[in-house]
Amino acid sequence: MVGADLGAPLPQEPAANEILEERCVAVDDDRRVATSLPDCQKRSPFVRVSSHCFGRSHFSLTRKVLVMTARNRAFRIGLLSPVLLLLSVLPLTSSFPQPRSLDAGGDTTPTVATPAHPAERHSRVGVAALVLPNIRGNKAQALARIEAYVRRAASLGAKIVVTPETCIDGYICHQPGLTRERMCALAEHENGPGIGRLRELAKQLDLYLCVGFSELADDQLYNTALLIGPDGKTAGKYRKTHGVEPFYRVGDSLPVFETRYGKVGIMICYDRQLPEIARTMAAQGAELILVPSNGMWGRMNDALLRTRCYENGVFLVFAHPRDGLIIDPGGRIIAANMSIPGQGVGLPTNTDTEDAGGWPEAVVRDIDLEAWRTQAGNLKNRRKEIYVERSE
């Protein structure tokens, strides 16, 4: 669980039976905050947030807040005494649930109702979107931050972690006066020292790491996302195929990769704007699509990504320097980064991705690929025999 102030120690917490009330902090589909954590803190010094994000006091997804107050136990016991006395003389009836007898081989643990939504059942895997503002042209600093936040995501249970697009060089490709020589100097070979450091990290943490970087291969530059497996080896590699920036060559395939959790596809930034990319991956069996990005974000981006998930029946993890989203196959945003007031919400596009314009976060959420395998979704209703691609 994450407190409002990660640096300050919390006061000594009351025991479990000291929890007096539960509140939910929720937002609407526009990700507007309904209630903020400071409001809850004013009511009690003991506030903890069940959250999958790191960040500030602004909320961008539903969070349960447990407001715990330590009151005078003697006073409460005094108020409860008449009630306890009355209960002691009343016969127990079948209207009161009875605990199972330990002598009968059971236990007294209460039965938890099965969640109704398929995304909340069966086996799970933790996924994470790293929200890392760009550090342009400083690979050492960028790699140190990537490592720190991969570790943070892993500490929350993430087993599939996604970074933003070309995050090792800080998406430097649009910088004025940039030369190809400078780009090549900042690029990495697939087996270069920077990638090697991340391979060791993935192996140490036993997770999949999808890292966006400028790849140098045979004297050619590619905008690449490398999927590193828990063994530190390459589990998959995708080169951006659409909307490719200056200096980069265009990728020429849309592969899907096997992982220990299911089939995974990768899109990079602009790829998400064309429906054919996600559909091609879904047709190959992709259940989860990872989207390193560094361009558009905000409401329009949310709508695009939710549509890709709904129309293809896939989970999606979107990682951007200012935004992080996890979306289920029903098109629901089930985790998001902390909202930045006045930034990105309501804007169709926003490219302010500099380090000074935001803060790093790790957006983590458990998802259930197994449960959604039983949901056929919209793909089963297609009539491919009547679809004709428009001639050029």
Protein backbone atom coordinates (compact mmCIF):
# COMPACT_ATOMS: atom_id res chain seq x y z
CA MET A 1 0.00 0.00 0.00
CA VAL A 2 1.12 3.51 -0.72
CA GLY A 3 0.75 6.46 1.60
CA ALA A 4 0.30 10.06 0.58
CA ASP A 5 3.84 10.93 1.62
CA LEU A 6 6.29 8.21 0.65
CA GLY A 7 9.06 9.80 2.66
CA ALA A 8 7.32 10.46 5.98
CA PRO A 9 6.74 7.54 8.42
CA LEU A 10 3.15 6.81 9.31
CA PRO A 11 2.05 7.01 12.95
CA GLN A 12 1.62 3.72 14.79
CA GLU A 13 -1.46 2.12 13.29
CA PRO A 14 -4.35 0.79 15.32
CA ALA A 15 -5.16 -2.90 15.35
CA ALA A 16 -7.41 -4.42 12.72
CA ASN A 17 -10.49 -4.03 14.91
CA GLU A 18 -9.78 -0.32 15.11
CA ILE A 19 -10.84 0.19 11.48
CA LEU A 20 -14.02 2.16 11.81
CA GLU A 21 -14.98 3.06 8.26
CA GLU A 22 -14.25 2.32 4.63
CA ARG A 23 -14.51 4.87 1.88
CA CYS A 24 -14.03 4.69 -1.84
CA VAL A 25 -12.32 7.40 -3.82
CA ALA A 26 -13.47 7.22 -7.43
CA VAL A 27 -13.29 9.09 -10.68
CA ASP A 28 -15.50 9.17 -13.75
CA ASP A 29 -14.57 8.13 -17.29
CA ASP A 30 -12.86 11.49 -17.84
CA ARG A 31 -10.50 10.66 -14.96
CA ARG A 32 -11.63 13.63 -12.90
CA VAL A 33 -10.96 13.36 -9.19
CA ALA A 34 -14.05 12.92 -7.02
CA THR A 35 -12.31 12.92 -3.64
CA SER A 36 -8.70 13.48 -2.74
CA LEU A 37 -6.49 11.86 -0.15
CA PRO A 38 -5.85 15.08 1.81
CA ASP A 39 -9.61 15.30 2.48
CA CYS A 40 -9.43 11.91 4.14
CA GLN A 41 -6.30 12.83 6.06
CA LYS A 42 -8.05 15.80 7.61
CA ARG A 43 -10.50 13.36 9.17
CA SER A 44 -7.91 10.98 10.56
CA PRO A 45 -4.15 10.71 11.02
CA PHE A 46 -4.35 7.05 10.04
CA VAL A 47 -4.98 6.92 6.32
CA ARG A 48 -3.68 4.34 3.91
CA VAL A 49 -4.51 3.94 0.25
CA SER A 50 -4.92 0.63 -1.56
CA SER A 51 -3.28 1.74 -4.77
CA HIS A 52 -1.23 0.44 -7.66
CA CYS A 53 0.50 3.76 -8.39
CA PHE A 54 3.29 5.87 -6.98
CA GLY A 55 2.87 9.60 -6.98
CA ARG A 56 1.16 12.55 -5.41
CA SER A 57 -2.15 13.25 -3.74
CA HIS A 58 -4.23 13.37 -6.94
CA PHE A 59 -6.20 10.30 -7.98
CA SER A 60 -6.90 8.99 -11.46
CA LEU A 61 -8.52 5.64 -10.73
CA THR A 62 -10.77 4.05 -8.14
CA ARG A 63 -9.02 3.50 -4.84
CA LYS A 64 -10.24 2.12 -1.58
CA VAL A 65 -9.26 4.30 1.35
CA LEU A 66 -9.31 2.84 4.81
CA VAL A 67 -9.81 5.62 7.35
CA MET A 68 -8.61 4.34 10.67
CA THR A 69 -8.96 6.26 13.91
CA ALA A 70 -7.75 5.29 17.34
CA ARG A 71 -10.40 6.10 19.89
CA ASN A 72 -10.76 5.35 23.56
CA ARG A 73 -11.34 1.61 23.78
CA ALA A 74 -12.82 1.83 27.24
CA PHE A 75 -15.43 4.29 25.98
CA ARG A 76 -16.38 2.01 23.10
CA ILE A 77 -16.58 -1.03 25.35
CA GLY A 78 -18.78 0.93 27.70
CA LEU A 79 -21.20 1.69 24.85
CA LEU A 80 -21.18 -1.91 23.67
CA SER A 81 -21.77 -3.51 27.07
CA PRO A 82 -25.61 -3.31 26.97
CA VAL A 83 -25.62 -4.74 23.47
CA LEU A 84 -23.35 -7.61 24.47
CA LEU A 85 -25.51 -8.36 27.50
CA LEU A 86 -28.64 -8.48 25.35
CA LEU A 87 -27.00 -10.80 22.83
CA SER A 88 -25.85 -13.13 25.59
CA VAL A 89 -29.43 -13.87 26.64
CA LEU A 90 -30.90 -14.16 23.14
CA PRO A 91 -30.90 -17.58 21.43
CA LEU A 92 -28.84 -17.84 18.31
CA THR A 93 -30.93 -18.46 15.22
CA SER A 94 -30.20 -19.50 11.66
CA SER A 95 -30.36 -15.88 10.57
CA PHE A 96 -26.90 -15.39 12.02
CA PRO A 97 -24.08 -17.04 10.03
CA GLN A 98 -22.30 -19.68 12.08
CA PRO A 99 -18.56 -20.26 11.87
CA ARG A 100 -17.51 -23.71 10.81
CA SER A 101 -16.29 -25.96 13.57
CA LEU A 102 -12.59 -26.59 13.71
CA ASP A 103 -13.39 -30.06 15.00
CA ALA A 104 -15.21 -30.75 11.75
CA GLY A 105 -12.10 -30.05 9.75
CA GLY A 106 -13.03 -26.52 8.68
CA ASP A 107 -11.71 -23.12 9.67
CA THR A 108 -13.25 -19.86 10.75
CA THR A 109 -12.00 -17.85 7.82
CA PRO A 110 -14.97 -16.02 6.26
CA THR A 111 -15.85 -17.01 2.72
CA VAL A 112 -15.16 -14.23 0.22
CA ALA A 113 -17.68 -13.87 -2.58
CA THR A 114 -16.35 -14.53 -6.06
CA PRO A 115 -15.96 -11.24 -7.99
CA ALA A 116 -18.49 -10.91 -10.78
CA HIS A 117 -16.19 -9.43 -13.39
CA PRO A 118 -13.99 -11.90 -15.31
CA ALA A 119 -10.95 -9.65 -14.99
CA GLU A 120 -11.06 -10.21 -11.23
CA ARG A 121 -10.93 -14.03 -11.15
CA HIS A 122 -8.51 -16.93 -11.52
CA SER A 123 -4.73 -16.69 -11.82
CA ARG A 124 -3.20 -13.26 -12.28
CA VAL A 125 -0.05 -11.57 -13.49
CA GLY A 126 1.15 -8.15 -12.41
CA VAL A 127 1.80 -5.69 -15.24
CA ALA A 128 3.35 -2.24 -14.95
CA ALA A 129 3.58 0.94 -17.02
CA LEU A 130 6.54 3.11 -16.09
CA VAL A 131 5.80 6.82 -16.38
CA LEU A 132 9.30 8.22 -16.90
CA PRO A 133 9.74 11.83 -18.06
CA ASN A 134 12.41 12.11 -20.74
CA ILE A 135 16.06 12.56 -19.78
CA ARG A 136 17.43 13.65 -23.13
CA GLY A 137 20.93 12.63 -24.15
CA ASN A 138 22.08 11.25 -20.78
CA LYS A 139 22.01 7.48 -21.02
CA ALA A 140 23.63 6.82 -17.65
CA GLN A 141 21.05 8.87 -15.78
CA ALA A 142 18.19 7.42 -17.82
CA LEU A 143 19.32 3.84 -17.18
CA ALA A 144 19.63 4.50 -13.45
CA ARG A 145 16.06 5.78 -13.35
CA ILE A 146 14.74 2.89 -15.43
CA GLU A 147 16.38 0.41 -13.07
CA ALA A 148 15.02 2.16 -9.98
CA TYR A 149 11.44 2.11 -11.24
CA VAL A 150 11.62 -1.42 -12.59
CA ARG A 151 12.64 -2.46 -9.09
CA ARG A 152 9.82 -0.45 -7.62
CA ALA A 153 7.29 -2.07 -9.96
CA ALA A 154 8.69 -5.50 -9.12
CA SER A 155 8.29 -4.80 -5.42
CA LEU A 156 4.58 -4.33 -6.12
CA GLY A 157 4.37 -7.69 -7.84
CA ALA A 158 4.84 -6.72 -11.49
CA LYS A 159 6.06 -9.51 -13.77
CA ILE A 160 5.67 -7.64 -17.08
CA VAL A 161 7.07 -4.08 -17.08
CA VAL A 162 6.90 -1.55 -19.93
CA THR A 163 8.99 1.61 -20.37
CA PRO A 164 8.21 4.60 -22.63
CA GLU A 165 9.39 4.76 -26.24
CA THR A 166 13.17 5.24 -26.78
CA CYS A 167 13.54 6.06 -23.11
CA ILE A 168 17.27 5.35 -22.94
CA ASP A 169 18.12 8.38 -25.11
CA GLY A 170 15.07 10.37 -24.00
CA TYR A 171 13.31 10.42 -27.39
CA ILE A 172 15.92 12.80 -28.71
CA CYS A 173 15.03 12.26 -32.37
CA HIS A 174 13.09 15.54 -32.73
CA GLN A 175 15.73 17.77 -31.14
CA PRO A 176 16.75 20.76 -33.35
CA GLY A 177 20.18 20.40 -34.91
CA LEU A 178 20.37 16.69 -34.19
CA THR A 179 22.72 14.79 -36.51
CA ARG A 180 22.72 11.14 -37.44
CA GLU A 181 26.14 10.78 -35.84
CA ARG A 182 24.74 11.99 -32.53
CA MET A 183 21.80 9.61 -32.85
CA CYS A 184 24.12 6.69 -33.51
CA ALA A 185 26.24 7.62 -30.50
CA LEU A 186 23.19 7.47 -28.25
CA ALA A 187 21.75 4.32 -29.82
CA GLU A 188 22.32 0.83 -28.42
CA HIS A 189 23.05 -2.50 -30.01
CA GLU A 190 20.69 -5.25 -28.90
CA ASN A 191 23.61 -6.67 -26.92
CA GLY A 192 25.15 -3.33 -25.94
CA PRO A 193 26.16 -2.39 -22.39
CA GLY A 194 22.97 -0.48 -21.56
CA ILE A 195 20.72 -3.28 -22.74
CA GLY A 196 23.03 -5.75 -21.01
CA ARG A 197 22.43 -3.96 -17.73
CA LEU A 198 18.68 -4.29 -18.22
CA ARG A 199 19.03 -7.96 -19.13
CA GLU A 200 20.71 -8.60 -15.80
CA LEU A 201 17.98 -6.64 -14.05
CA ALA A 202 15.18 -8.67 -15.65
CA LYS A 203 16.98 -11.90 -14.75
CA GLN A 204 17.53 -10.80 -11.16
CA LEU A 205 13.89 -9.77 -10.69
CA ASP A 206 12.47 -12.73 -12.66
CA LEU A 207 10.29 -10.59 -14.92
CA TYR A 208 9.68 -9.56 -18.51
CA LEU A 209 10.94 -6.07 -19.35
CA CYS A 210 9.77 -4.30 -22.50
CA VAL A 211 12.23 -1.47 -23.05
CA GLY A 212 12.00 1.17 -25.78
CA PHE A 213 15.33 2.25 -27.26
CA SER A 214 17.08 3.45 -30.40
CA GLU A 215 18.58 0.31 -31.87
CA LEU A 216 21.74 0.37 -33.96
CA ALA A 217 21.95 -2.70 -36.20
CA ASP A 218 24.18 -3.06 -39.27
CA ASP A 219 24.71 0.72 -39.34
CA GLN A 220 20.93 1.26 -39.43
CA LEU A 221 18.79 2.91 -36.76
CA TYR A 222 15.45 1.49 -35.64
CA ASN A 223 12.85 2.65 -33.14
CA THR A 224 12.71 -0.63 -31.24
CA ALA A 225 10.99 -2.24 -28.28
CA LEU A 226 12.89 -5.20 -26.88
CA LEU A 227 11.09 -7.75 -24.73
CA ILE A 228 13.64 -9.20 -22.31
CA GLY A 229 12.64 -12.44 -20.61
CA PRO A 230 13.12 -13.53 -16.99
CA ASP A 231 16.22 -15.43 -18.12
CA GLY A 232 17.77 -12.20 -19.40
CA LYS A 233 17.48 -13.31 -23.02
CA THR A 234 15.49 -11.75 -25.85
CA ALA A 235 11.89 -12.97 -25.70
CA GLY A 236 10.83 -10.74 -28.59
CA LYS A 237 11.72 -7.65 -30.57
CA TYR A 238 9.50 -5.22 -32.45
CA ARG A 239 10.60 -2.36 -34.71
CA LYS A 240 8.16 0.51 -35.19
CA THR A 241 6.26 0.13 -38.46
CA HIS A 242 4.16 3.32 -38.79
CA GLY A 243 4.79 7.04 -38.27
CA VAL A 244 8.52 6.44 -37.95
CA GLU A 245 10.58 9.50 -36.95
CA PRO A 246 13.63 10.96 -38.74
CA PHE A 247 16.80 8.85 -38.89
CA TYR A 248 14.97 5.56 -38.26
CA ARG A 249 14.31 2.78 -40.75
CA VAL A 250 10.80 1.32 -40.89
CA GLY A 251 10.06 -2.07 -39.36
CA ASP A 252 8.43 -4.65 -41.58
CA SER A 253 6.61 -7.17 -39.35
CA LEU A 254 3.96 -7.44 -36.63
CA PRO A 255 5.12 -10.39 -34.51
CA VAL A 256 3.48 -11.92 -31.45
CA PHE A 257 5.61 -13.46 -28.70
CA GLU A 258 5.06 -16.40 -26.37
CA THR A 259 5.60 -15.73 -22.67
CA ARG A 260 5.01 -17.83 -19.59
CA TYR A 261 1.77 -15.89 -19.06
CA GLY A 262 0.34 -15.81 -22.58
CA LYS A 263 0.87 -14.32 -26.03
CA VAL A 264 2.10 -10.72 -26.17
CA GLY A 265 2.20 -8.18 -29.00
CA ILE A 266 3.95 -4.79 -29.09
CA MET A 267 2.97 -1.51 -30.74
CA ILE A 268 5.08 1.65 -30.54
CA CYS A 269 3.38 5.05 -30.21
CA TYR A 270 1.79 5.99 -33.58
CA ASP A 271 1.07 2.33 -34.37
CA ARG A 272 -1.91 2.49 -32.01
CA GLN A 273 -3.70 4.99 -34.26
CA LEU A 274 -4.25 2.43 -37.03
CA PRO A 275 -6.70 -0.38 -36.26
CA GLU A 276 -4.99 -2.95 -38.46
CA ILE A 277 -1.94 -3.30 -36.21
CA ALA A 278 -3.77 -4.39 -33.06
CA ARG A 279 -6.20 -6.51 -35.11
CA THR A 280 -3.34 -8.34 -36.84
CA MET A 281 -1.77 -9.14 -33.47
CA ALA A 282 -5.09 -10.26 -31.98
CA ALA A 283 -5.67 -12.51 -35.00
CA GLN A 284 -2.33 -14.16 -34.19
CA GLY A 285 -3.53 -14.87 -30.66
CA ALA A 286 -2.17 -11.86 -28.74
CA GLU A 287 -3.88 -11.50 -25.37
CA LEU A 288 -1.84 -8.55 -24.12
CA ILE A 289 -0.44 -5.63 -26.14
CA LEU A 290 2.37 -3.48 -24.78
CA VAL A 291 2.60 0.11 -26.03
CA PRO A 292 5.79 2.10 -25.33
CA SER A 293 5.00 5.66 -26.41
CA ASN A 294 6.33 9.22 -26.34
CA GLY A 295 3.82 11.32 -28.29
CA MET A 296 0.11 11.98 -27.87
CA TRP A 297 -1.57 11.45 -24.52
CA GLY A 298 -4.76 12.58 -22.81
CA ARG A 299 -8.43 11.97 -23.59
CA MET A 300 -8.07 11.27 -27.28
CA ASN A 301 -5.33 8.75 -26.57
CA ASP A 302 -7.48 7.11 -23.88
CA ALA A 303 -10.33 6.72 -26.34
CA LEU A 304 -8.08 5.20 -29.01
CA LEU A 305 -6.55 2.67 -26.66
CA ARG A 306 -9.85 1.70 -25.05
CA THR A 307 -11.27 1.10 -28.51
CA ARG A 308 -8.32 -1.11 -29.52
CA CYS A 309 -8.89 -3.23 -26.43
CA TYR A 310 -12.65 -3.51 -26.86
CA GLU A 311 -12.65 -4.33 -30.57
CA ASN A 312 -9.91 -6.97 -30.23
CA GLY A 313 -10.55 -8.40 -26.77
CA VAL A 314 -7.04 -7.74 -25.44
CA PHE A 315 -5.42 -6.24 -22.37
CA LEU A 316 -3.13 -3.27 -23.00
CA VAL A 317 -0.32 -1.54 -21.09
CA PHE A 318 0.52 2.00 -22.24
CA ALA A 319 3.74 3.60 -20.96
CA HIS A 320 4.50 7.26 -21.68
CA PRO A 321 6.64 9.99 -20.06
CA ARG A 322 3.50 11.68 -18.75
CA ASP A 323 0.87 8.96 -18.74
CA GLY A 324 0.44 5.31 -17.82
CA LEU A 325 -2.63 3.18 -18.49
CA ILE A 326 -3.69 -0.42 -18.05
CA ILE A 327 -6.89 -1.33 -19.93
CA ASP A 328 -8.87 -4.56 -19.93
CA PRO A 329 -10.49 -6.33 -22.93
CA GLY A 330 -13.80 -4.64 -22.16
CA GLY A 331 -12.24 -1.22 -22.78
CA ARG A 332 -12.14 -0.26 -19.10
CA ILE A 333 -9.20 1.72 -17.73
CA ILE A 334 -8.39 -0.39 -14.69
CA ALA A 335 -5.25 1.48 -13.61
CA ALA A 336 -3.75 4.86 -14.46
CA ASN A 337 -1.13 7.26 -13.22
CA MET A 338 -1.84 10.14 -10.87
CA SER A 339 -3.49 13.01 -12.73
CA ILE A 340 -1.48 16.17 -13.23
CA PRO A 341 -3.89 19.10 -12.70
CA GLY A 342 -4.32 21.12 -15.87
CA GLN A 343 -2.11 18.83 -17.93
CA GLY A 344 -3.22 16.18 -20.37
CA VAL A 345 -6.83 15.96 -19.21
CA GLY A 346 -9.16 17.31 -21.86
CA LEU A 347 -6.41 17.94 -24.38
CA PRO A 348 -6.37 15.90 -27.58
CA THR A 349 -2.58 15.90 -27.61
CA ASN A 350 0.23 17.07 -25.40
CA THR A 351 3.90 16.55 -26.11
CA ASP A 352 5.38 18.18 -23.01
CA THR A 353 7.49 15.23 -21.90
CA GLU A 354 10.52 16.95 -20.39
CA ASP A 355 11.74 15.88 -16.99
CA ALA A 356 10.76 19.19 -15.38
CA GLY A 357 7.17 18.76 -16.54
CA GLY A 358 6.27 15.70 -14.50
CA TRP A 359 7.40 13.06 -12.06
CA PRO A 360 8.18 9.36 -12.38
CA GLU A 361 5.64 6.75 -11.39
CA ALA A 362 5.09 3.01 -11.60
CA VAL A 363 1.50 2.09 -12.47
CA VAL A 364 0.95 -1.52 -11.47
CA ARG A 365 -2.12 -3.75 -11.74
CA ASP A 366 -2.84 -7.47 -11.60
CA ILE A 367 -4.64 -8.76 -14.68
CA ASP A 368 -6.18 -12.13 -15.43
CA LEU A 369 -5.43 -13.41 -18.91
CA GLU A 370 -6.87 -16.84 -18.14
CA ALA A 371 -10.32 -15.53 -17.28
CA TRP A 372 -10.60 -13.60 -20.52
CA ARG A 373 -9.63 -16.63 -22.62
CA THR A 374 -13.18 -17.88 -22.10
CA GLN A 375 -14.62 -14.64 -23.50
CA ALA A 376 -14.89 -14.84 -27.28
CA GLY A 377 -15.51 -11.10 -27.65
CA ASN A 378 -16.19 -9.34 -30.93
CA LEU A 379 -13.76 -11.30 -33.09
CA LYS A 380 -16.16 -14.23 -33.34
CA ASN A 381 -18.77 -12.04 -35.02
CA ARG A 382 -16.61 -10.97 -37.94
CA ARG A 383 -17.70 -11.83 -41.50
CA LYS A 384 -14.39 -11.74 -43.32
CA GLU A 385 -15.95 -12.88 -46.58
CA ILE A 386 -17.66 -9.50 -47.04
CA TYR A 387 -14.73 -7.29 -46.07
CA VAL A 388 -13.04 -5.81 -49.10
CA GLU A 389 -9.92 -3.71 -48.70
CA ARG A 390 -10.24 -0.44 -50.56
CA SER A 391 -7.98 -0.22 -53.61
CA GLU A 392 -5.47 2.59 -53.72
